[in-house]
Full PDB file with SEQRES, HELIX, SHEET, SSBOND, CRYST1, ORIGX, SCALE, CONECT and MASTER records, all heavy atoms in Angstrom:
SEQRES   1 A   33  LYS SER SER MET GLY THR CYS VAL VAL ALA ALA LEU LEU          
SEQRES   2 A   33  ALA LEU LEU SER ILE SER ALA PRO SER LEU GLY LEU ALA          
SEQRES   3 A   33  ALA SER PRO PRO GLN GLY GLU                                  
HELIX    1 AA1 THR A    6  LEU A   16  1                                  11    
CRYST1    1.000    1.000    1.000  90.00  90.00  90.00 P 1           1          
ORIGX1      1.000000  0.000000  0.000000        0.00000                         
ORIGX2      0.000000  1.000000  0.000000        0.00000                         
ORIGX3      0.000000  0.000000  1.000000        0.00000                         
SCALE1      1.000000  0.000000  0.000000        0.00000                         
SCALE2      0.000000  1.000000  0.000000        0.00000                         
SCALE3      0.000000  0.000000  1.000000        0.00000                         
ATOM      1  N   LYS A   1      67.071 -19.439  -0.787  1.00  0.00           N  
ATOM      2  CA  LYS A   1      66.052 -20.463  -0.579  1.00  0.00           C  
ATOM      3  C   LYS A   1      65.984 -21.423  -1.752  1.00  0.00           C  
ATOM      4  O   LYS A   1      65.572 -22.563  -1.614  1.00  0.00           O  
ATOM      5  CB  LYS A   1      64.686 -19.807  -0.364  1.00  0.00           C  
ATOM      6  CG  LYS A   1      64.602 -18.970   0.903  1.00  0.00           C  
ATOM      7  CD  LYS A   1      63.221 -18.361   1.063  1.00  0.00           C  
ATOM      8  CE  LYS A   1      63.121 -17.526   2.330  1.00  0.00           C  
ATOM      9  NZ  LYS A   1      61.786 -16.918   2.477  1.00  0.00           N  
ATOM     10  N   SER A   2      66.378 -20.947  -2.944  1.00  0.00           N  
ATOM     11  CA  SER A   2      66.280 -21.783  -4.138  1.00  0.00           C  
ATOM     12  C   SER A   2      67.308 -22.897  -4.108  1.00  0.00           C  
ATOM     13  O   SER A   2      68.487 -22.671  -3.863  1.00  0.00           O  
ATOM     14  CB  SER A   2      66.511 -20.935  -5.399  1.00  0.00           C  
ATOM     15  OG  SER A   2      66.656 -21.766  -6.518  1.00  0.00           O  
ATOM     16  N   SER A   3      66.857 -24.132  -4.374  1.00  0.00           N  
ATOM     17  CA  SER A   3      67.778 -25.265  -4.418  1.00  0.00           C  
ATOM     18  C   SER A   3      68.375 -25.460  -5.800  1.00  0.00           C  
ATOM     19  O   SER A   3      69.222 -26.306  -5.998  1.00  0.00           O  
ATOM     20  CB  SER A   3      67.056 -26.554  -4.001  1.00  0.00           C  
ATOM     21  OG  SER A   3      66.016 -26.841  -4.918  1.00  0.00           O  
ATOM     22  N   MET A   4      67.925 -24.679  -6.772  1.00  0.00           N  
ATOM     23  CA  MET A   4      68.394 -24.859  -8.138  1.00  0.00           C  
ATOM     24  C   MET A   4      69.593 -23.984  -8.466  1.00  0.00           C  
ATOM     25  O   MET A   4      70.240 -24.147  -9.481  1.00  0.00           O  
ATOM     26  CB  MET A   4      67.258 -24.546  -9.130  1.00  0.00           C  
ATOM     27  CG  MET A   4      66.080 -25.480  -8.987  1.00  0.00           C  
ATOM     28  SD  MET A   4      66.547 -27.208  -9.166  1.00  0.00           S  
ATOM     29  CE  MET A   4      66.992 -27.235 -10.895  1.00  0.00           C  
ATOM     30  N   GLY A   5      69.910 -23.038  -7.602  1.00  0.00           N  
ATOM     31  CA  GLY A   5      71.095 -22.219  -7.826  1.00  0.00           C  
ATOM     32  C   GLY A   5      70.915 -21.111  -8.842  1.00  0.00           C  
ATOM     33  O   GLY A   5      71.877 -20.439  -9.195  1.00  0.00           O  
ATOM     34  N   THR A   6      69.708 -20.858  -9.331  1.00  0.00           N  
ATOM     35  CA  THR A   6      69.494 -19.840 -10.351  1.00  0.00           C  
ATOM     36  C   THR A   6      69.878 -18.461  -9.852  1.00  0.00           C  
ATOM     37  O   THR A   6      70.560 -17.696 -10.538  1.00  0.00           O  
ATOM     38  CB  THR A   6      68.019 -19.828 -10.793  1.00  0.00           C  
ATOM     39  OG1 THR A   6      67.675 -21.132 -11.251  1.00  0.00           O  
ATOM     40  CG2 THR A   6      67.799 -18.828 -11.903  1.00  0.00           C  
ATOM     41  N   CYS A   7      69.449 -18.129  -8.646  1.00  0.00           N  
ATOM     42  CA  CYS A   7      69.762 -16.820  -8.093  1.00  0.00           C  
ATOM     43  C   CYS A   7      71.252 -16.667  -7.835  1.00  0.00           C  
ATOM     44  O   CYS A   7      71.801 -15.576  -7.921  1.00  0.00           O  
ATOM     45  CB  CYS A   7      68.988 -16.593  -6.799  1.00  0.00           C  
ATOM     46  SG  CYS A   7      67.199 -16.500  -7.033  1.00  0.00           S  
ATOM     47  N   VAL A   8      71.907 -17.768  -7.510  1.00  0.00           N  
ATOM     48  CA  VAL A   8      73.336 -17.731  -7.254  1.00  0.00           C  
ATOM     49  C   VAL A   8      74.084 -17.325  -8.508  1.00  0.00           C  
ATOM     50  O   VAL A   8      74.971 -16.476  -8.486  1.00  0.00           O  
ATOM     51  CB  VAL A   8      73.837 -19.106  -6.764  1.00  0.00           C  
ATOM     52  CG1 VAL A   8      75.340 -19.152  -6.732  1.00  0.00           C  
ATOM     53  CG2 VAL A   8      73.287 -19.395  -5.377  1.00  0.00           C  
ATOM     54  N   VAL A   9      73.754 -17.949  -9.615  1.00  0.00           N  
ATOM     55  CA  VAL A   9      74.405 -17.624 -10.878  1.00  0.00           C  
ATOM     56  C   VAL A   9      74.167 -16.169 -11.244  1.00  0.00           C  
ATOM     57  O   VAL A   9      75.072 -15.463 -11.691  1.00  0.00           O  
ATOM     58  CB  VAL A   9      73.896 -18.554 -12.005  1.00  0.00           C  
ATOM     59  CG1 VAL A   9      74.491 -18.141 -13.340  1.00  0.00           C  
ATOM     60  CG2 VAL A   9      74.256 -20.003 -11.688  1.00  0.00           C  
ATOM     61  N   ALA A  10      72.946 -15.681 -11.034  1.00  0.00           N  
ATOM     62  CA  ALA A  10      72.633 -14.282 -11.315  1.00  0.00           C  
ATOM     63  C   ALA A  10      73.481 -13.352 -10.463  1.00  0.00           C  
ATOM     64  O   ALA A  10      73.953 -12.312 -10.931  1.00  0.00           O  
ATOM     65  CB  ALA A  10      71.143 -14.024 -11.071  1.00  0.00           C  
ATOM     66  N   ALA A  11      73.680 -13.725  -9.202  1.00  0.00           N  
ATOM     67  CA  ALA A  11      74.491 -12.903  -8.314  1.00  0.00           C  
ATOM     68  C   ALA A  11      75.934 -12.834  -8.785  1.00  0.00           C  
ATOM     69  O   ALA A  11      76.561 -11.773  -8.773  1.00  0.00           O  
ATOM     70  CB  ALA A  11      74.428 -13.462  -6.891  1.00  0.00           C  
ATOM     71  N   LEU A  12      76.482 -13.966  -9.228  1.00  0.00           N  
ATOM     72  CA  LEU A  12      77.854 -13.983  -9.714  1.00  0.00           C  
ATOM     73  C   LEU A  12      77.988 -13.176 -11.008  1.00  0.00           C  
ATOM     74  O   LEU A  12      78.959 -12.464 -11.210  1.00  0.00           O  
ATOM     75  CB  LEU A  12      78.321 -15.413  -9.943  1.00  0.00           C  
ATOM     76  CG  LEU A  12      78.822 -16.147  -8.695  1.00  0.00           C  
ATOM     77  CD1 LEU A  12      79.144 -17.588  -9.044  1.00  0.00           C  
ATOM     78  CD2 LEU A  12      80.036 -15.474  -8.114  1.00  0.00           C  
ATOM     79  N   LEU A  13      77.007 -13.289 -11.879  1.00  0.00           N  
ATOM     80  CA  LEU A  13      77.052 -12.511 -13.116  1.00  0.00           C  
ATOM     81  C   LEU A  13      77.013 -11.019 -12.831  1.00  0.00           C  
ATOM     82  O   LEU A  13      77.652 -10.228 -13.510  1.00  0.00           O  
ATOM     83  CB  LEU A  13      75.876 -12.908 -14.019  1.00  0.00           C  
ATOM     84  CG  LEU A  13      75.997 -14.281 -14.688  1.00  0.00           C  
ATOM     85  CD1 LEU A  13      74.717 -14.586 -15.460  1.00  0.00           C  
ATOM     86  CD2 LEU A  13      77.189 -14.354 -15.613  1.00  0.00           C  
ATOM     87  N   ALA A  14      76.253 -10.632 -11.806  1.00  0.00           N  
ATOM     88  CA  ALA A  14      76.193  -9.227 -11.429  1.00  0.00           C  
ATOM     89  C   ALA A  14      77.559  -8.750 -10.953  1.00  0.00           C  
ATOM     90  O   ALA A  14      77.992  -7.644 -11.268  1.00  0.00           O  
ATOM     91  CB  ALA A  14      75.152  -9.028 -10.334  1.00  0.00           C  
ATOM     92  N   LEU A  15      78.272  -9.572 -10.195  1.00  0.00           N  
ATOM     93  CA  LEU A  15      79.607  -9.217  -9.736  1.00  0.00           C  
ATOM     94  C   LEU A  15      80.567  -9.068 -10.911  1.00  0.00           C  
ATOM     95  O   LEU A  15      81.331  -8.109 -10.998  1.00  0.00           O  
ATOM     96  CB  LEU A  15      80.134 -10.286  -8.779  1.00  0.00           C  
ATOM     97  CG  LEU A  15      79.599 -10.259  -7.353  1.00  0.00           C  
ATOM     98  CD1 LEU A  15      80.017 -11.531  -6.625  1.00  0.00           C  
ATOM     99  CD2 LEU A  15      80.114  -9.044  -6.603  1.00  0.00           C  
ATOM    100  N   LEU A  16      80.509 -10.027 -11.824  1.00  0.00           N  
ATOM    101  CA  LEU A  16      81.421 -10.005 -12.963  1.00  0.00           C  
ATOM    102  C   LEU A  16      81.132  -8.855 -13.907  1.00  0.00           C  
ATOM    103  O   LEU A  16      82.017  -8.365 -14.593  1.00  0.00           O  
ATOM    104  CB  LEU A  16      81.339 -11.330 -13.715  1.00  0.00           C  
ATOM    105  CG  LEU A  16      81.877 -12.545 -12.947  1.00  0.00           C  
ATOM    106  CD1 LEU A  16      81.585 -13.816 -13.731  1.00  0.00           C  
ATOM    107  CD2 LEU A  16      83.362 -12.423 -12.682  1.00  0.00           C  
ATOM    108  N   SER A  17      79.884  -8.391 -13.938  1.00  0.00           N  
ATOM    109  CA  SER A  17      79.517  -7.320 -14.854  1.00  0.00           C  
ATOM    110  C   SER A  17      80.159  -6.000 -14.476  1.00  0.00           C  
ATOM    111  O   SER A  17      80.152  -5.051 -15.254  1.00  0.00           O  
ATOM    112  CB  SER A  17      77.991  -7.158 -14.887  1.00  0.00           C  
ATOM    113  OG  SER A  17      77.512  -6.664 -13.646  1.00  0.00           O  
ATOM    114  N   ILE A  18      80.760  -5.925 -13.287  1.00  0.00           N  
ATOM    115  CA  ILE A  18      81.438  -4.699 -12.882  1.00  0.00           C  
ATOM    116  C   ILE A  18      82.571  -4.383 -13.843  1.00  0.00           C  
ATOM    117  O   ILE A  18      82.821  -3.244 -14.182  1.00  0.00           O  
ATOM    118  CB  ILE A  18      81.996  -4.848 -11.446  1.00  0.00           C  
ATOM    119  CG1 ILE A  18      80.841  -5.002 -10.445  1.00  0.00           C  
ATOM    120  CG2 ILE A  18      82.872  -3.663 -11.066  1.00  0.00           C  
ATOM    121  CD1 ILE A  18      81.289  -5.345  -9.045  1.00  0.00           C  
ATOM    122  N   SER A  19      83.261  -5.433 -14.313  1.00  0.00           N  
ATOM    123  CA  SER A  19      84.415  -5.210 -15.185  1.00  0.00           C  
ATOM    124  C   SER A  19      84.246  -5.818 -16.566  1.00  0.00           C  
ATOM    125  O   SER A  19      85.137  -5.748 -17.387  1.00  0.00           O  
ATOM    126  CB  SER A  19      85.673  -5.809 -14.535  1.00  0.00           C  
ATOM    127  OG  SER A  19      85.499  -7.185 -14.301  1.00  0.00           O  
ATOM    128  N   ALA A  20      83.096  -6.451 -16.847  1.00  0.00           N  
ATOM    129  CA  ALA A  20      82.896  -7.107 -18.133  1.00  0.00           C  
ATOM    130  C   ALA A  20      81.872  -6.355 -18.966  1.00  0.00           C  
ATOM    131  O   ALA A  20      80.932  -5.775 -18.431  1.00  0.00           O  
ATOM    132  CB  ALA A  20      82.409  -8.542 -17.909  1.00  0.00           C  
ATOM    133  N   PRO A  21      82.019  -6.344 -20.303  1.00  0.00           N  
ATOM    134  CA  PRO A  21      81.041  -5.676 -21.146  1.00  0.00           C  
ATOM    135  C   PRO A  21      79.728  -6.421 -21.154  1.00  0.00           C  
ATOM    136  O   PRO A  21      79.672  -7.635 -20.994  1.00  0.00           O  
ATOM    137  CB  PRO A  21      81.703  -5.722 -22.539  1.00  0.00           C  
ATOM    138  CG  PRO A  21      82.616  -6.903 -22.477  1.00  0.00           C  
ATOM    139  CD  PRO A  21      83.111  -6.952 -21.063  1.00  0.00           C  
ATOM    140  N   SER A  22      78.620  -5.680 -21.340  1.00  0.00           N  
ATOM    141  CA  SER A  22      77.310  -6.322 -21.400  1.00  0.00           C  
ATOM    142  C   SER A  22      77.164  -7.066 -22.707  1.00  0.00           C  
ATOM    143  O   SER A  22      77.765  -6.717 -23.715  1.00  0.00           O  
ATOM    144  CB  SER A  22      76.206  -5.269 -21.260  1.00  0.00           C  
ATOM    145  OG  SER A  22      76.291  -4.333 -22.310  1.00  0.00           O  
ATOM    146  N   LEU A  23      76.341  -8.115 -22.707  1.00  0.00           N  
ATOM    147  CA  LEU A  23      76.198  -8.968 -23.881  1.00  0.00           C  
ATOM    148  C   LEU A  23      74.723  -9.174 -24.153  1.00  0.00           C  
ATOM    149  O   LEU A  23      73.988  -9.664 -23.300  1.00  0.00           O  
ATOM    150  CB  LEU A  23      76.879 -10.313 -23.625  1.00  0.00           C  
ATOM    151  CG  LEU A  23      76.865 -11.336 -24.758  1.00  0.00           C  
ATOM    152  CD1 LEU A  23      77.704 -10.825 -25.916  1.00  0.00           C  
ATOM    153  CD2 LEU A  23      77.411 -12.664 -24.279  1.00  0.00           C  
ATOM    154  N   GLY A  24      74.252  -8.777 -25.334  1.00  0.00           N  
ATOM    155  CA  GLY A  24      72.866  -8.996 -25.693  1.00  0.00           C  
ATOM    156  C   GLY A  24      72.674 -10.401 -26.221  1.00  0.00           C  
ATOM    157  O   GLY A  24      73.423 -10.858 -27.073  1.00  0.00           O  
ATOM    158  N   LEU A  25      71.677 -11.120 -25.710  1.00  0.00           N  
ATOM    159  CA  LEU A  25      71.440 -12.498 -26.106  1.00  0.00           C  
ATOM    160  C   LEU A  25      70.074 -12.645 -26.740  1.00  0.00           C  
ATOM    161  O   LEU A  25      69.097 -12.066 -26.288  1.00  0.00           O  
ATOM    162  CB  LEU A  25      71.530 -13.425 -24.882  1.00  0.00           C  
ATOM    163  CG  LEU A  25      72.880 -13.480 -24.166  1.00  0.00           C  
ATOM    164  CD1 LEU A  25      72.776 -14.384 -22.941  1.00  0.00           C  
ATOM    165  CD2 LEU A  25      73.966 -13.996 -25.093  1.00  0.00           C  
ATOM    166  N   ALA A  26      70.010 -13.445 -27.775  1.00  0.00           N  
ATOM    167  CA  ALA A  26      68.736 -13.779 -28.411  1.00  0.00           C  
ATOM    168  C   ALA A  26      68.616 -15.292 -28.467  1.00  0.00           C  
ATOM    169  O   ALA A  26      69.612 -16.009 -28.494  1.00  0.00           O  
ATOM    170  CB  ALA A  26      68.679 -13.201 -29.834  1.00  0.00           C  
ATOM    171  N   ALA A  27      67.394 -15.778 -28.476  1.00  0.00           N  
ATOM    172  CA  ALA A  27      67.181 -17.229 -28.453  1.00  0.00           C  
ATOM    173  C   ALA A  27      67.675 -17.858 -29.747  1.00  0.00           C  
ATOM    174  O   ALA A  27      67.467 -17.331 -30.831  1.00  0.00           O  
ATOM    175  CB  ALA A  27      65.694 -17.518 -28.271  1.00  0.00           C  
ATOM    176  N   SER A  28      68.364 -18.996 -29.616  1.00  0.00           N  
ATOM    177  CA  SER A  28      68.804 -19.760 -30.773  1.00  0.00           C  
ATOM    178  C   SER A  28      67.827 -20.897 -31.023  1.00  0.00           C  
ATOM    179  O   SER A  28      67.165 -21.363 -30.106  1.00  0.00           O  
ATOM    180  CB  SER A  28      70.201 -20.343 -30.526  1.00  0.00           C  
ATOM    181  OG  SER A  28      71.150 -19.318 -30.377  1.00  0.00           O  
ATOM    182  N   PRO A  29      67.708 -21.353 -32.263  1.00  0.00           N  
ATOM    183  CA  PRO A  29      66.802 -22.457 -32.546  1.00  0.00           C  
ATOM    184  C   PRO A  29      67.208 -23.715 -31.803  1.00  0.00           C  
ATOM    185  O   PRO A  29      68.396 -23.950 -31.582  1.00  0.00           O  
ATOM    186  CB  PRO A  29      66.929 -22.655 -34.059  1.00  0.00           C  
ATOM    187  CG  PRO A  29      67.946 -21.721 -34.549  1.00  0.00           C  
ATOM    188  CD  PRO A  29      68.433 -20.877 -33.432  1.00  0.00           C  
ATOM    189  N   PRO A  30      66.248 -24.550 -31.405  1.00  0.00           N  
ATOM    190  CA  PRO A  30      66.558 -25.788 -30.671  1.00  0.00           C  
ATOM    191  C   PRO A  30      67.134 -26.846 -31.589  1.00  0.00           C  
ATOM    192  O   PRO A  30      66.460 -27.787 -31.985  1.00  0.00           O  
ATOM    193  CB  PRO A  30      65.203 -26.207 -30.108  1.00  0.00           C  
ATOM    194  CG  PRO A  30      64.208 -25.651 -31.080  1.00  0.00           C  
ATOM    195  CD  PRO A  30      64.814 -24.365 -31.595  1.00  0.00           C  
ATOM    196  N   GLN A  31      68.392 -26.689 -31.942  1.00  0.00           N  
ATOM    197  CA  GLN A  31      69.025 -27.630 -32.851  1.00  0.00           C  
ATOM    198  C   GLN A  31      69.062 -29.016 -32.223  1.00  0.00           C  
ATOM    199  O   GLN A  31      69.135 -29.170 -31.029  1.00  0.00           O  
ATOM    200  CB  GLN A  31      70.440 -27.152 -33.182  1.00  0.00           C  
ATOM    201  CG  GLN A  31      70.446 -25.873 -34.015  1.00  0.00           C  
ATOM    202  CD  GLN A  31      71.812 -25.249 -34.055  1.00  0.00           C  
ATOM    203  OE1 GLN A  31      72.374 -24.889 -33.041  1.00  0.00           O  
ATOM    204  NE2 GLN A  31      72.357 -25.096 -35.248  1.00  0.00           N  
ATOM    205  N   GLY A  32      69.008 -30.013 -33.059  1.00  0.00           N  
ATOM    206  CA  GLY A  32      69.049 -31.374 -32.566  1.00  0.00           C  
ATOM    207  C   GLY A  32      67.740 -32.093 -32.770  1.00  0.00           C  
ATOM    208  O   GLY A  32      67.689 -33.301 -32.881  1.00  0.00           O  
ATOM    209  N   GLU A  33      66.650 -31.325 -32.835  1.00  0.00           N  
ATOM    210  CA  GLU A  33      65.343 -31.950 -32.994  1.00  0.00           C  
ATOM    211  C   GLU A  33      65.098 -32.394 -34.428  1.00  0.00           C  
ATOM    212  O   GLU A  33      64.283 -33.245 -34.691  1.00  0.00           O  
ATOM    213  CB  GLU A  33      64.252 -30.967 -32.549  1.00  0.00           C  
ATOM    214  CG  GLU A  33      64.361 -30.610 -31.058  1.00  0.00           C  
ATOM    215  CD  GLU A  33      63.331 -29.574 -30.659  1.00  0.00           C  
ATOM    216  OE1 GLU A  33      62.519 -29.200 -31.535  1.00  0.00           O  
ATOM    217  OE2 GLU A  33      63.323 -29.154 -29.499  1.00  0.00           O  
TER     218      GLU A  33                                                      
MASTER        0    0    0    1    0    0    0    6  217    1    0    3          
END                                                                             
């Protein structure tokens, strides 16, 4: 139902995670400001 594709990307990442290692992410500072 989402027109932004957010759920789609999540679904693809779930598929890829079958063979890919998990990656911990932390927020980076908003450089550029």
